[in-house]
Amino acid sequence: MPQEIADDVARAAGAAVYSSRTLKAYDFIVHGFSNRYLWKVRTAELISFYSQNMVGAHLDVGVGSGYFLEKCAFKALDRLVLMDRNRDCLEFAAERAQGVEPELLQADAFEPVAFEPESFDSVCLGYLLHCLPGSIADKAVVFDNLLPLLKPGAVLYGATILGKGLTPNWGARKLMALYNEKGVFCNLEDTLDDLQRALDTRFDQVDVKLHGNVALFKAIRR
């Protein structure tokens, strides 16, 4: 199978996991249990990080269950666009967004995004990168596709679970191995240094902090 087709199959498989049924359990499994006991990051820290950087015209890529949209419902936004390959995720998350009617875009972040250049003040990648196939260098094409959409001085931010160069506990290792085997994750080779390098080569100001096994990253467009 050609690599391009294999990568597309992998992306489709990762997205297909999130059905309307599984999304109902997502918050409890991920934000209620896994963050605290396996990935060793406090969900409250993720909520705060998400909220602090969500401003103006905001694009949310890889929306998951819309958990953070609901937690940040108090934010006053000029525009909210939700983007995901999975229609179930878009519709589920849209119901949790409050305060502004979201625009929905079903699209693959590995492809150029159909918006006017310099449309957004903030772009969030949530818990997306560790679900994408390939190395960090491969996944960085997502940064390339989103970068033109940022206004000068706008922020791209997110969080990703790293799979290499850390010492996760037994439960985290087992679950990460299972998720990688099933195609839910593809992060066994993802390192903090590779993430830092991918951002440094594309953005002016970069801040990456490690919380347990999770890297919180923030980058400002040149």
N, C-alpha and C. Protein backbone atom coordinates (compact mmCIF):
# COMPACT_ATOMS: atom_id res chain seq x y z
N MET A 1 0.85 -1.20 0.00
CA MET A 1 0.00 0.00 0.00
C MET A 1 0.88 1.25 0.00
N PRO A 2 0.65 2.20 -0.92
CA PRO A 2 1.43 3.43 -0.93
C PRO A 2 1.32 4.16 0.40
N GLN A 3 2.39 4.85 0.79
CA GLN A 3 2.43 5.49 2.10
C GLN A 3 1.33 6.53 2.27
N GLU A 4 1.03 7.28 1.21
CA GLU A 4 0.00 8.31 1.30
C GLU A 4 -1.36 7.71 1.62
N ILE A 5 -1.65 6.57 0.98
CA ILE A 5 -2.92 5.90 1.25
C ILE A 5 -2.94 5.32 2.66
N ALA A 6 -1.80 4.74 3.05
CA ALA A 6 -1.70 4.16 4.40
C ALA A 6 -1.92 5.21 5.46
N ASP A 7 -1.35 6.41 5.26
CA ASP A 7 -1.51 7.49 6.23
C ASP A 7 -2.96 7.94 6.30
N ASP A 8 -3.62 8.01 5.16
CA ASP A 8 -5.03 8.42 5.14
C ASP A 8 -5.90 7.39 5.85
N VAL A 9 -5.61 6.12 5.64
CA VAL A 9 -6.34 5.06 6.33
C VAL A 9 -6.14 5.17 7.83
N ALA A 10 -4.90 5.46 8.25
CA ALA A 10 -4.61 5.60 9.67
C ALA A 10 -5.35 6.78 10.28
N ARG A 11 -5.41 7.89 9.57
CA ARG A 11 -6.13 9.06 10.08
C ARG A 11 -7.62 8.77 10.19
N ALA A 12 -8.15 8.10 9.19
CA ALA A 12 -9.57 7.76 9.21
C ALA A 12 -9.89 6.82 10.36
N ALA A 13 -9.00 5.85 10.61
CA ALA A 13 -9.22 4.89 11.70
C ALA A 13 -9.20 5.59 13.05
N GLY A 14 -8.26 6.54 13.22
CA GLY A 14 -8.18 7.26 14.47
C GLY A 14 -9.41 8.10 14.73
N ALA A 15 -9.93 8.73 13.67
CA ALA A 15 -11.11 9.59 13.82
C ALA A 15 -12.36 8.77 14.07
N ALA A 16 -12.44 7.59 13.47
CA ALA A 16 -13.65 6.77 13.55
C ALA A 16 -13.94 6.27 14.96
N VAL A 17 -12.93 6.25 15.82
CA VAL A 17 -13.11 5.78 17.20
C VAL A 17 -14.16 6.61 17.93
N TYR A 18 -14.24 7.90 17.56
CA TYR A 18 -15.09 8.82 18.30
C TYR A 18 -16.49 8.86 17.70
N SER A 19 -17.33 7.95 18.15
CA SER A 19 -18.73 7.91 17.73
C SER A 19 -19.56 8.67 18.75
N SER A 20 -20.83 8.89 18.43
CA SER A 20 -21.71 9.58 19.38
C SER A 20 -21.80 8.81 20.70
N ARG A 21 -21.68 7.50 20.65
CA ARG A 21 -21.75 6.69 21.88
C ARG A 21 -20.48 6.84 22.71
N THR A 22 -19.31 6.72 22.07
CA THR A 22 -18.07 6.81 22.83
C THR A 22 -17.83 8.22 23.36
N LEU A 23 -18.31 9.22 22.65
CA LEU A 23 -18.13 10.59 23.10
C LEU A 23 -18.84 10.86 24.42
N LYS A 24 -19.90 10.14 24.69
CA LYS A 24 -20.62 10.33 25.95
C LYS A 24 -19.79 9.87 27.15
N ALA A 25 -18.88 8.94 26.92
CA ALA A 25 -18.02 8.45 28.00
C ALA A 25 -16.64 9.11 27.99
N TYR A 26 -16.36 9.89 26.96
CA TYR A 26 -15.01 10.45 26.77
C TYR A 26 -14.55 11.29 27.95
N ASP A 27 -15.39 12.19 28.43
CA ASP A 27 -14.96 13.11 29.49
C ASP A 27 -14.56 12.36 30.76
N PHE A 28 -15.36 11.37 31.12
CA PHE A 28 -15.04 10.61 32.33
C PHE A 28 -13.74 9.83 32.16
N ILE A 29 -13.59 9.16 31.02
CA ILE A 29 -12.41 8.32 30.80
C ILE A 29 -11.15 9.16 30.70
N VAL A 30 -11.20 10.21 29.88
CA VAL A 30 -10.00 11.00 29.61
C VAL A 30 -9.76 12.05 30.68
N HIS A 31 -10.73 12.93 30.89
CA HIS A 31 -10.51 14.06 31.78
C HIS A 31 -10.79 13.73 33.25
N GLY A 32 -11.57 12.68 33.47
CA GLY A 32 -11.85 12.30 34.85
C GLY A 32 -10.86 11.31 35.42
N PHE A 33 -10.37 10.38 34.57
CA PHE A 33 -9.48 9.33 35.07
C PHE A 33 -8.07 9.40 34.49
N SER A 34 -7.97 9.31 33.17
CA SER A 34 -6.64 9.15 32.54
C SER A 34 -5.71 10.33 32.83
N ASN A 35 -6.21 11.54 32.72
CA ASN A 35 -5.35 12.70 32.96
C ASN A 35 -4.69 12.62 34.34
N ARG A 36 -5.50 12.35 35.33
CA ARG A 36 -4.99 12.37 36.71
C ARG A 36 -4.11 11.17 37.04
N TYR A 37 -4.57 9.99 36.70
CA TYR A 37 -3.89 8.78 37.18
C TYR A 37 -2.86 8.21 36.20
N LEU A 38 -2.99 8.51 34.91
CA LEU A 38 -2.08 7.94 33.92
C LEU A 38 -1.15 8.98 33.31
N TRP A 39 -1.72 10.05 32.77
CA TRP A 39 -0.88 11.04 32.09
C TRP A 39 -0.30 12.06 33.05
N LYS A 40 -0.80 12.08 34.29
CA LYS A 40 -0.26 12.92 35.37
C LYS A 40 -0.32 14.41 35.06
N VAL A 41 -1.44 14.84 34.51
CA VAL A 41 -1.70 16.26 34.33
C VAL A 41 -3.07 16.56 34.91
N ARG A 42 -3.19 17.67 35.60
CA ARG A 42 -4.49 18.03 36.18
C ARG A 42 -5.39 18.61 35.09
N THR A 43 -6.60 18.10 35.00
CA THR A 43 -7.54 18.62 34.01
C THR A 43 -7.77 20.11 34.22
N ALA A 44 -7.73 20.55 35.46
CA ALA A 44 -7.91 21.98 35.75
C ALA A 44 -6.82 22.81 35.09
N GLU A 45 -5.61 22.28 35.00
CA GLU A 45 -4.52 22.99 34.33
C GLU A 45 -4.80 23.11 32.83
N LEU A 46 -5.35 22.06 32.24
CA LEU A 46 -5.69 22.10 30.82
C LEU A 46 -6.80 23.11 30.55
N ILE A 47 -7.81 23.14 31.42
CA ILE A 47 -8.90 24.10 31.26
C ILE A 47 -8.36 25.53 31.33
N SER A 48 -7.51 25.79 32.31
CA SER A 48 -6.95 27.13 32.47
C SER A 48 -6.11 27.52 31.26
N PHE A 49 -5.30 26.60 30.78
CA PHE A 49 -4.44 26.85 29.61
C PHE A 49 -5.28 27.13 28.38
N TYR A 50 -6.29 26.34 28.18
CA TYR A 50 -7.20 26.51 27.05
C TYR A 50 -7.86 27.89 27.11
N SER A 51 -8.39 28.24 28.27
CA SER A 51 -9.13 29.48 28.42
C SER A 51 -8.25 30.71 28.24
N GLN A 52 -7.05 30.67 28.79
CA GLN A 52 -6.15 31.82 28.73
C GLN A 52 -5.80 32.21 27.31
N ASN A 53 -5.76 31.25 26.42
CA ASN A 53 -5.29 31.50 25.05
C ASN A 53 -6.40 31.58 24.02
N MET A 54 -7.63 31.41 24.43
CA MET A 54 -8.79 31.42 23.54
C MET A 54 -9.33 32.85 23.45
N VAL A 55 -9.14 33.50 22.29
CA VAL A 55 -9.51 34.91 22.17
C VAL A 55 -10.09 35.20 20.78
N GLY A 56 -10.85 36.31 20.72
CA GLY A 56 -11.28 36.87 19.45
C GLY A 56 -11.97 35.90 18.53
N ALA A 57 -11.41 35.77 17.33
CA ALA A 57 -11.87 34.78 16.35
C ALA A 57 -11.07 33.51 16.60
N HIS A 58 -11.75 32.44 17.01
CA HIS A 58 -11.07 31.22 17.49
C HIS A 58 -11.42 30.03 16.61
N LEU A 59 -10.39 29.26 16.25
CA LEU A 59 -10.54 28.01 15.50
C LEU A 59 -10.13 26.86 16.39
N ASP A 60 -11.02 25.90 16.57
CA ASP A 60 -10.74 24.72 17.38
C ASP A 60 -10.61 23.51 16.45
N VAL A 61 -9.43 22.89 16.46
CA VAL A 61 -9.12 21.80 15.54
C VAL A 61 -8.99 20.49 16.32
N GLY A 62 -9.79 19.49 15.94
CA GLY A 62 -9.79 18.24 16.69
C GLY A 62 -10.57 18.44 17.97
N VAL A 63 -11.87 18.63 17.86
CA VAL A 63 -12.68 19.14 18.97
C VAL A 63 -13.01 18.09 20.03
N GLY A 64 -12.85 16.80 19.70
CA GLY A 64 -13.18 15.77 20.68
C GLY A 64 -14.63 15.85 21.12
N SER A 65 -14.84 15.89 22.42
CA SER A 65 -16.20 15.93 22.97
C SER A 65 -16.70 17.36 23.19
N GLY A 66 -15.84 18.36 22.94
CA GLY A 66 -16.23 19.74 23.23
C GLY A 66 -16.14 20.10 24.70
N TYR A 67 -15.44 19.29 25.46
CA TYR A 67 -15.32 19.48 26.91
C TYR A 67 -14.81 20.88 27.26
N PHE A 68 -13.74 21.31 26.60
CA PHE A 68 -13.14 22.59 26.94
C PHE A 68 -14.00 23.76 26.47
N LEU A 69 -14.72 23.56 25.39
CA LEU A 69 -15.65 24.60 24.94
C LEU A 69 -16.71 24.87 26.00
N GLU A 70 -17.21 23.82 26.60
CA GLU A 70 -18.22 23.97 27.65
C GLU A 70 -17.62 24.62 28.89
N LYS A 71 -16.42 24.23 29.25
CA LYS A 71 -15.79 24.78 30.45
C LYS A 71 -15.42 26.25 30.27
N CYS A 72 -15.24 26.67 29.02
CA CYS A 72 -14.85 28.05 28.75
C CYS A 72 -16.00 28.85 28.16
N ALA A 73 -17.22 28.43 28.47
CA ALA A 73 -18.40 29.07 27.89
C ALA A 73 -18.49 30.55 28.27
N PHE A 74 -17.78 30.95 29.33
CA PHE A 74 -17.83 32.34 29.76
C PHE A 74 -17.01 33.26 28.87
N LYS A 75 -16.19 32.71 28.00
CA LYS A 75 -15.33 33.52 27.15
C LYS A 75 -16.16 34.24 26.08
N ALA A 76 -15.89 35.52 25.92
CA ALA A 76 -16.56 36.30 24.88
C ALA A 76 -15.72 36.22 23.61
N LEU A 77 -16.26 35.60 22.57
CA LEU A 77 -15.54 35.42 21.32
C LEU A 77 -16.24 36.19 20.20
N ASP A 78 -15.44 36.62 19.24
CA ASP A 78 -16.00 37.27 18.05
C ASP A 78 -16.49 36.23 17.04
N ARG A 79 -15.85 35.07 17.06
CA ARG A 79 -16.17 34.01 16.08
C ARG A 79 -15.65 32.70 16.63
N LEU A 80 -16.38 31.63 16.39
CA LEU A 80 -15.95 30.30 16.81
C LEU A 80 -16.16 29.32 15.66
N VAL A 81 -15.07 28.70 15.24
CA VAL A 81 -15.12 27.69 14.18
C VAL A 81 -14.61 26.38 14.75
N LEU A 82 -15.39 25.32 14.57
CA LEU A 82 -15.00 23.98 15.01
C LEU A 82 -14.62 23.16 13.77
N MET A 83 -13.46 22.53 13.84
CA MET A 83 -12.96 21.76 12.70
C MET A 83 -12.55 20.36 13.17
N ASP A 84 -13.06 19.36 12.48
CA ASP A 84 -12.74 17.98 12.81
C ASP A 84 -13.02 17.11 11.59
N ARG A 85 -12.31 16.01 11.49
CA ARG A 85 -12.57 15.06 10.41
C ARG A 85 -13.86 14.28 10.67
N ASN A 86 -14.22 14.17 11.94
CA ASN A 86 -15.35 13.35 12.36
C ASN A 86 -16.60 14.20 12.58
N ARG A 87 -17.66 13.92 11.83
CA ARG A 87 -18.88 14.70 11.94
C ARG A 87 -19.54 14.54 13.30
N ASP A 88 -19.46 13.35 13.89
CA ASP A 88 -20.04 13.13 15.22
C ASP A 88 -19.41 14.06 16.24
N CYS A 89 -18.08 14.21 16.17
CA CYS A 89 -17.39 15.11 17.10
C CYS A 89 -17.86 16.55 16.92
N LEU A 90 -17.98 16.98 15.67
CA LEU A 90 -18.42 18.35 15.41
C LEU A 90 -19.79 18.63 16.00
N GLU A 91 -20.72 17.73 15.76
CA GLU A 91 -22.08 17.95 16.23
C GLU A 91 -22.17 17.85 17.74
N PHE A 92 -21.44 16.90 18.32
CA PHE A 92 -21.44 16.73 19.77
C PHE A 92 -20.85 17.96 20.45
N ALA A 93 -19.71 18.45 19.93
CA ALA A 93 -19.05 19.62 20.52
C ALA A 93 -19.87 20.88 20.32
N ALA A 94 -20.51 21.01 19.17
CA ALA A 94 -21.29 22.22 18.89
C ALA A 94 -22.40 22.42 19.91
N GLU A 95 -22.98 21.33 20.39
CA GLU A 95 -24.06 21.43 21.38
C GLU A 95 -23.55 21.96 22.72
N ARG A 96 -22.24 21.83 22.96
CA ARG A 96 -21.68 22.26 24.24
C ARG A 96 -21.11 23.67 24.18
N ALA A 97 -20.93 24.18 22.97
CA ALA A 97 -20.43 25.54 22.83
C ALA A 97 -21.56 26.52 23.15
N GLN A 98 -21.25 27.51 23.97
CA GLN A 98 -22.27 28.45 24.39
C GLN A 98 -21.76 29.88 24.20
N GLY A 99 -22.68 30.79 24.01
CA GLY A 99 -22.31 32.20 23.92
C GLY A 99 -22.10 32.69 22.50
N VAL A 100 -21.79 31.79 21.58
CA VAL A 100 -21.62 32.15 20.18
C VAL A 100 -21.97 30.94 19.33
N GLU A 101 -22.67 31.15 18.23
CA GLU A 101 -23.06 30.05 17.35
C GLU A 101 -21.84 29.59 16.56
N PRO A 102 -21.39 28.34 16.74
CA PRO A 102 -20.18 27.91 16.05
C PRO A 102 -20.42 27.57 14.58
N GLU A 103 -19.40 27.82 13.78
CA GLU A 103 -19.37 27.34 12.41
C GLU A 103 -18.70 25.97 12.42
N LEU A 104 -19.21 25.04 11.64
CA LEU A 104 -18.67 23.68 11.62
C LEU A 104 -17.98 23.41 10.29
N LEU A 105 -16.76 22.88 10.37
CA LEU A 105 -16.01 22.52 9.18
C LEU A 105 -15.51 21.09 9.32
N GLN A 106 -16.03 20.18 8.51
CA GLN A 106 -15.54 18.81 8.49
C GLN A 106 -14.37 18.74 7.53
N ALA A 107 -13.16 18.62 8.07
CA ALA A 107 -11.95 18.68 7.25
C ALA A 107 -10.82 17.97 7.96
N ASP A 108 -9.81 17.62 7.19
CA ASP A 108 -8.61 16.93 7.67
C ASP A 108 -7.50 17.95 7.84
N ALA A 109 -6.93 18.02 9.04
CA ALA A 109 -5.88 19.01 9.31
C ALA A 109 -4.61 18.75 8.52
N PHE A 110 -4.47 17.56 7.93
CA PHE A 110 -3.31 17.27 7.09
C PHE A 110 -3.45 17.91 5.70
N GLU A 111 -4.60 18.49 5.43
CA GLU A 111 -4.83 19.15 4.14
C GLU A 111 -4.94 20.66 4.36
N PRO A 112 -4.63 21.46 3.34
CA PRO A 112 -4.82 22.92 3.46
C PRO A 112 -6.25 23.24 3.86
N VAL A 113 -6.41 24.23 4.72
CA VAL A 113 -7.72 24.56 5.29
C VAL A 113 -8.35 25.71 4.51
N ALA A 114 -9.62 25.55 4.15
CA ALA A 114 -10.30 26.49 3.26
C ALA A 114 -10.84 27.70 4.01
N PHE A 115 -9.94 28.55 4.51
CA PHE A 115 -10.33 29.83 5.08
C PHE A 115 -9.42 30.91 4.52
N GLU A 116 -9.90 32.14 4.59
CA GLU A 116 -9.09 33.26 4.16
C GLU A 116 -7.85 33.37 5.06
N PRO A 117 -6.71 33.78 4.49
CA PRO A 117 -5.52 33.99 5.33
C PRO A 117 -5.78 35.00 6.43
N GLU A 118 -5.10 34.81 7.53
CA GLU A 118 -5.15 35.72 8.68
C GLU A 118 -6.58 35.93 9.18
N SER A 119 -7.27 34.81 9.39
CA SER A 119 -8.67 34.85 9.82
C SER A 119 -8.84 34.74 11.33
N PHE A 120 -7.81 34.22 12.04
CA PHE A 120 -8.03 33.85 13.44
C PHE A 120 -7.01 34.47 14.39
N ASP A 121 -7.52 34.78 15.59
CA ASP A 121 -6.67 35.28 16.67
C ASP A 121 -6.09 34.14 17.50
N SER A 122 -6.78 33.01 17.54
CA SER A 122 -6.29 31.85 18.28
C SER A 122 -6.73 30.57 17.59
N VAL A 123 -5.85 29.58 17.62
CA VAL A 123 -6.12 28.25 17.08
C VAL A 123 -5.69 27.23 18.11
N CYS A 124 -6.59 26.31 18.45
CA CYS A 124 -6.28 25.29 19.45
C CYS A 124 -6.24 23.90 18.82
N LEU A 125 -5.25 23.11 19.20
CA LEU A 125 -5.12 21.74 18.72
C LEU A 125 -5.49 20.72 19.79
N GLY A 126 -5.89 21.18 20.96
CA GLY A 126 -6.40 20.26 21.98
C GLY A 126 -5.54 19.02 22.15
N TYR A 127 -6.20 17.89 22.31
CA TYR A 127 -5.52 16.59 22.42
C TYR A 127 -5.49 15.93 21.04
N LEU A 128 -4.87 16.60 20.07
CA LEU A 128 -4.92 16.12 18.70
C LEU A 128 -3.66 15.42 18.23
N LEU A 129 -2.49 16.03 18.47
CA LEU A 129 -1.27 15.55 17.83
C LEU A 129 -0.95 14.09 18.13
N HIS A 130 -1.20 13.65 19.35
CA HIS A 130 -0.85 12.26 19.67
C HIS A 130 -1.77 11.26 18.98
N CYS A 131 -2.86 11.74 18.38
CA CYS A 131 -3.77 10.86 17.65
C CYS A 131 -3.42 10.77 16.16
N LEU A 132 -2.55 11.64 15.69
CA LEU A 132 -2.22 11.69 14.26
C LEU A 132 -1.10 10.72 13.92
N PRO A 133 -1.13 10.13 12.72
CA PRO A 133 -0.09 9.17 12.33
C PRO A 133 1.24 9.85 12.01
N GLY A 134 2.31 9.08 12.16
CA GLY A 134 3.63 9.57 11.79
C GLY A 134 4.41 10.14 12.96
N SER A 135 5.60 10.63 12.65
CA SER A 135 6.45 11.26 13.65
C SER A 135 6.00 12.70 13.87
N ILE A 136 6.61 13.38 14.83
CA ILE A 136 6.31 14.79 15.04
C ILE A 136 6.62 15.59 13.77
N ALA A 137 7.69 15.23 13.09
CA ALA A 137 8.04 15.92 11.83
C ALA A 137 6.94 15.74 10.79
N ASP A 138 6.34 14.56 10.74
CA ASP A 138 5.23 14.31 9.82
C ASP A 138 4.00 15.11 10.23
N LYS A 139 3.72 15.11 11.52
CA LYS A 139 2.53 15.79 12.04
C LYS A 139 2.63 17.30 11.89
N ALA A 140 3.85 17.81 11.80
CA ALA A 140 4.06 19.26 11.74
C ALA A 140 3.48 19.89 10.49
N VAL A 141 3.09 19.09 9.50
CA VAL A 141 2.40 19.65 8.33
C VAL A 141 1.10 20.32 8.77
N VAL A 142 0.55 19.88 9.89
CA VAL A 142 -0.65 20.53 10.45
C VAL A 142 -0.32 21.98 10.82
N PHE A 143 0.85 22.22 11.41
CA PHE A 143 1.26 23.59 11.72
C PHE A 143 1.36 24.41 10.43
N ASP A 144 1.94 23.80 9.39
CA ASP A 144 2.09 24.50 8.12
C ASP A 144 0.74 24.88 7.52
N ASN A 145 -0.24 24.01 7.66
CA ASN A 145 -1.57 24.27 7.10
C ASN A 145 -2.33 25.33 7.89
N LEU A 146 -2.08 25.40 9.19
CA LEU A 146 -2.81 26.34 10.04
C LEU A 146 -2.12 27.70 10.15
N LEU A 147 -0.83 27.73 9.97
CA LEU A 147 -0.07 28.97 10.14
C LEU A 147 -0.61 30.13 9.30
N PRO A 148 -0.95 29.93 8.02
CA PRO A 148 -1.46 31.06 7.23
C PRO A 148 -2.78 31.63 7.74
N LEU A 149 -3.51 30.86 8.54
CA LEU A 149 -4.81 31.31 9.03
C LEU A 149 -4.68 32.23 10.23
N LEU A 150 -3.50 32.29 10.82
CA LEU A 150 -3.28 33.11 12.01
C LEU A 150 -3.01 34.56 11.62
N LYS A 151 -3.64 35.45 12.33
CA LYS A 151 -3.31 36.87 12.18
C LYS A 151 -1.91 37.12 12.76
N PRO A 152 -1.22 38.16 12.33
CA PRO A 152 0.07 38.49 12.96
C PRO A 152 -0.11 38.65 14.47
N GLY A 153 0.73 37.97 15.22
CA GLY A 153 0.64 38.03 16.67
C GLY A 153 -0.36 37.07 17.28
N ALA A 154 -1.05 36.29 16.43
CA ALA A 154 -2.03 35.31 16.94
C ALA A 154 -1.32 34.10 17.53
N VAL A 155 -2.07 33.32 18.30
CA VAL A 155 -1.49 32.19 19.03
C VAL A 155 -2.05 30.86 18.54
N LEU A 156 -1.18 29.89 18.39
CA LEU A 156 -1.55 28.49 18.18
C LEU A 156 -1.12 27.74 19.42
N TYR A 157 -2.03 26.96 20.00
CA TYR A 157 -1.71 26.29 21.25
C TYR A 157 -2.40 24.94 21.33
N GLY A 158 -1.96 24.13 22.28
CA GLY A 158 -2.59 22.83 22.46
C GLY A 158 -1.84 21.98 23.47
N ALA A 159 -2.24 20.72 23.53
CA ALA A 159 -1.63 19.77 24.45
C ALA A 159 -1.51 18.43 23.73
N THR A 160 -0.44 17.71 24.02
CA THR A 160 -0.26 16.40 23.40
C THR A 160 0.43 15.45 24.38
N ILE A 161 0.02 14.21 24.35
CA ILE A 161 0.62 13.18 25.20
C ILE A 161 1.85 12.63 24.49
N LEU A 162 2.99 12.71 25.14
CA LEU A 162 4.24 12.24 24.55
C LEU A 162 4.46 10.77 24.87
N GLY A 163 5.18 10.08 23.98
CA GLY A 163 5.36 8.65 24.16
C GLY A 163 6.80 8.19 24.32
N LYS A 164 7.76 9.12 24.23
CA LYS A 164 9.17 8.72 24.29
C LYS A 164 9.96 9.74 25.09
N GLY A 165 10.95 9.24 25.83
CA GLY A 165 11.81 10.11 26.61
C GLY A 165 11.27 10.42 27.98
N LEU A 166 10.18 9.77 28.38
CA LEU A 166 9.57 9.99 29.68
C LEU A 166 9.47 8.65 30.42
N THR A 167 9.02 8.70 31.66
CA THR A 167 8.88 7.48 32.45
C THR A 167 7.44 7.35 32.96
N PRO A 168 6.51 7.01 32.08
CA PRO A 168 5.11 6.84 32.51
C PRO A 168 4.97 5.66 33.45
N ASN A 169 3.92 5.68 34.26
CA ASN A 169 3.69 4.56 35.17
C ASN A 169 3.18 3.34 34.41
N TRP A 170 3.03 2.25 35.12
CA TRP A 170 2.67 0.97 34.49
C TRP A 170 1.35 1.09 33.72
N GLY A 171 0.36 1.69 34.35
CA GLY A 171 -0.94 1.82 33.71
C GLY A 171 -0.87 2.66 32.45
N ALA A 172 -0.09 3.75 32.51
CA ALA A 172 0.05 4.62 31.34
C ALA A 172 0.74 3.88 30.19
N ARG A 173 1.77 3.11 30.51
CA ARG A 173 2.48 2.35 29.47
C ARG A 173 1.55 1.34 28.80
N LYS A 174 0.77 0.64 29.61
CA LYS A 174 -0.13 -0.37 29.07
C LYS A 174 -1.22 0.25 28.19
N LEU A 175 -1.82 1.34 28.68
CA LEU A 175 -2.88 1.96 27.90
C LEU A 175 -2.33 2.60 26.63
N MET A 176 -1.16 3.22 26.72
CA MET A 176 -0.57 3.83 25.55
C MET A 176 -0.24 2.78 24.49
N ALA A 177 0.27 1.64 24.93
CA ALA A 177 0.58 0.56 23.99
C ALA A 177 -0.69 0.05 23.31
N LEU A 178 -1.75 -0.09 24.10
CA LEU A 178 -3.03 -0.56 23.54
C LEU A 178 -3.59 0.45 22.54
N TYR A 179 -3.58 1.73 22.91
CA TYR A 179 -4.11 2.76 22.03
C TYR A 179 -3.31 2.84 20.72
N ASN A 180 -2.00 2.67 20.82
CA ASN A 180 -1.18 2.68 19.61
C ASN A 180 -1.46 1.46 18.74
N GLU A 181 -1.66 0.32 19.37
CA GLU A 181 -1.98 -0.90 18.63
C GLU A 181 -3.31 -0.76 17.90
N LYS A 182 -4.28 -0.10 18.53
CA LYS A 182 -5.62 0.05 17.95
C LYS A 182 -5.72 1.22 16.98
N GLY A 183 -4.69 2.06 16.92
CA GLY A 183 -4.72 3.21 16.03
C GLY A 183 -5.39 4.43 16.62
N VAL A 184 -5.71 4.39 17.91
CA VAL A 184 -6.29 5.56 18.58
C VAL A 184 -5.20 6.62 18.79
N PHE A 185 -4.02 6.18 19.21
CA PHE A 185 -2.84 7.02 19.35
C PHE A 185 -1.81 6.60 18.30
N CYS A 186 -0.91 7.53 18.00
CA CYS A 186 0.31 7.20 17.27
C CYS A 186 1.39 8.12 17.82
N ASN A 187 1.92 7.78 18.99
CA ASN A 187 2.80 8.71 19.69
C ASN A 187 4.02 8.06 20.35
N LEU A 188 4.29 6.80 20.04
CA LEU A 188 5.38 6.11 20.73
C LEU A 188 6.74 6.72 20.45
N GLU A 189 6.89 7.45 19.35
CA GLU A 189 8.16 8.10 19.02
C GLU A 189 8.12 9.61 19.24
N ASP A 190 7.02 10.13 19.77
CA ASP A 190 6.89 11.58 19.97
C ASP A 190 7.70 12.03 21.18
N THR A 191 8.59 12.99 20.97
CA THR A 191 9.44 13.50 22.06
C THR A 191 9.24 15.00 22.24
N LEU A 192 9.61 15.46 23.42
CA LEU A 192 9.52 16.89 23.73
C LEU A 192 10.44 17.68 22.82
N ASP A 193 11.65 17.19 22.59
CA ASP A 193 12.61 17.90 21.74
C ASP A 193 12.09 18.04 20.31
N ASP A 194 11.49 16.99 19.78
CA ASP A 194 10.97 17.05 18.41
C ASP A 194 9.82 18.06 18.30
N LEU A 195 8.97 18.10 19.31
CA LEU A 195 7.88 19.06 19.31
C LEU A 195 8.43 20.48 19.38
N GLN A 196 9.38 20.71 20.26
CA GLN A 196 9.99 22.03 20.39
C GLN A 196 10.62 22.45 19.07
N ARG A 197 11.33 21.54 18.43
CA ARG A 197 12.01 21.85 17.17
C ARG A 197 11.00 22.20 16.07
N ALA A 198 9.92 21.44 15.98
CA ALA A 198 8.92 21.68 14.94
C ALA A 198 8.27 23.05 15.10
N LEU A 199 8.06 23.47 16.34
CA LEU A 199 7.47 24.78 16.59
C LEU A 199 8.48 25.91 16.40
N ASP A 200 9.71 25.71 16.86
CA ASP A 200 10.73 26.75 16.76
C ASP A 200 11.03 27.14 15.32
N THR A 201 10.94 26.18 14.40
CA THR A 201 11.26 26.47 13.00
C THR A 201 10.13 27.21 12.28
N ARG A 202 8.97 27.34 12.92
CA ARG A 202 7.81 27.93 12.26
C ARG A 202 7.26 29.18 12.94
N PHE A 203 7.57 29.34 14.22
CA PHE A 203 6.97 30.43 14.98
C PHE A 203 8.04 31.28 15.65
N ASP A 204 7.65 32.50 15.99
CA ASP A 204 8.58 33.45 16.57
C ASP A 204 8.79 33.19 18.06
N GLN A 205 7.69 33.12 18.80
CA GLN A 205 7.76 32.87 20.24
C GLN A 205 7.12 31.53 20.54
N VAL A 206 7.88 30.68 21.20
CA VAL A 206 7.39 29.32 21.50
C VAL A 206 7.59 29.03 22.99
N ASP A 207 6.58 28.47 23.59
CA ASP A 207 6.66 28.07 25.00
C ASP A 207 6.09 26.66 25.12
N VAL A 208 6.92 25.73 25.55
CA VAL A 208 6.49 24.34 25.72
C VAL A 208 6.79 23.93 27.15
N LYS A 209 5.78 23.47 27.87
CA LYS A 209 5.96 23.03 29.25
C LYS A 209 5.45 21.61 29.40
N LEU A 210 6.17 20.82 30.17
CA LEU A 210 5.81 19.43 30.40
C LEU A 210 5.06 19.30 31.72
N HIS A 211 3.88 18.70 31.66
CA HIS A 211 3.09 18.40 32.84
C HIS A 211 2.86 16.89 32.84
N GLY A 212 3.63 16.17 33.64
CA GLY A 212 3.56 14.72 33.60
C GLY A 212 4.00 14.22 32.24
N ASN A 213 3.13 13.49 31.56
CA ASN A 213 3.44 12.98 30.21
C ASN A 213 2.85 13.87 29.11
N VAL A 214 2.34 15.03 29.49
CA VAL A 214 1.65 15.90 28.55
C VAL A 214 2.43 17.19 28.33
N ALA A 215 2.66 17.53 27.07
CA ALA A 215 3.30 18.78 26.72
C ALA A 215 2.24 19.82 26.39
N LEU A 216 2.27 20.95 27.09
CA LEU A 216 1.42 22.08 26.77
C LEU A 216 2.24 23.05 25.95
N PHE A 217 1.79 23.38 24.75
CA PHE A 217 2.60 24.23 23.87
C PHE A 217 1.82 25.44 23.41
N LYS A 218 2.55 26.52 23.25
CA LYS A 218 1.97 27.79 22.81
C LYS A 218 2.97 28.46 21.88
N ALA A 219 2.50 28.91 20.72
CA ALA A 219 3.39 29.52 19.73
C ALA A 219 2.71 30.74 19.13
N ILE A 220 3.49 31.81 18.94
CA ILE A 220 2.98 33.06 18.38
C ILE A 220 3.48 33.22 16.96
N ARG A 221 2.58 33.59 16.05
CA ARG A 221 2.99 33.79 14.66
C ARG A 221 3.92 34.98 14.52
N ARG A 222 4.92 34.82 13.66
CA ARG A 222 5.85 35.91 13.40
C ARG A 222 5.10 37.10 12.79
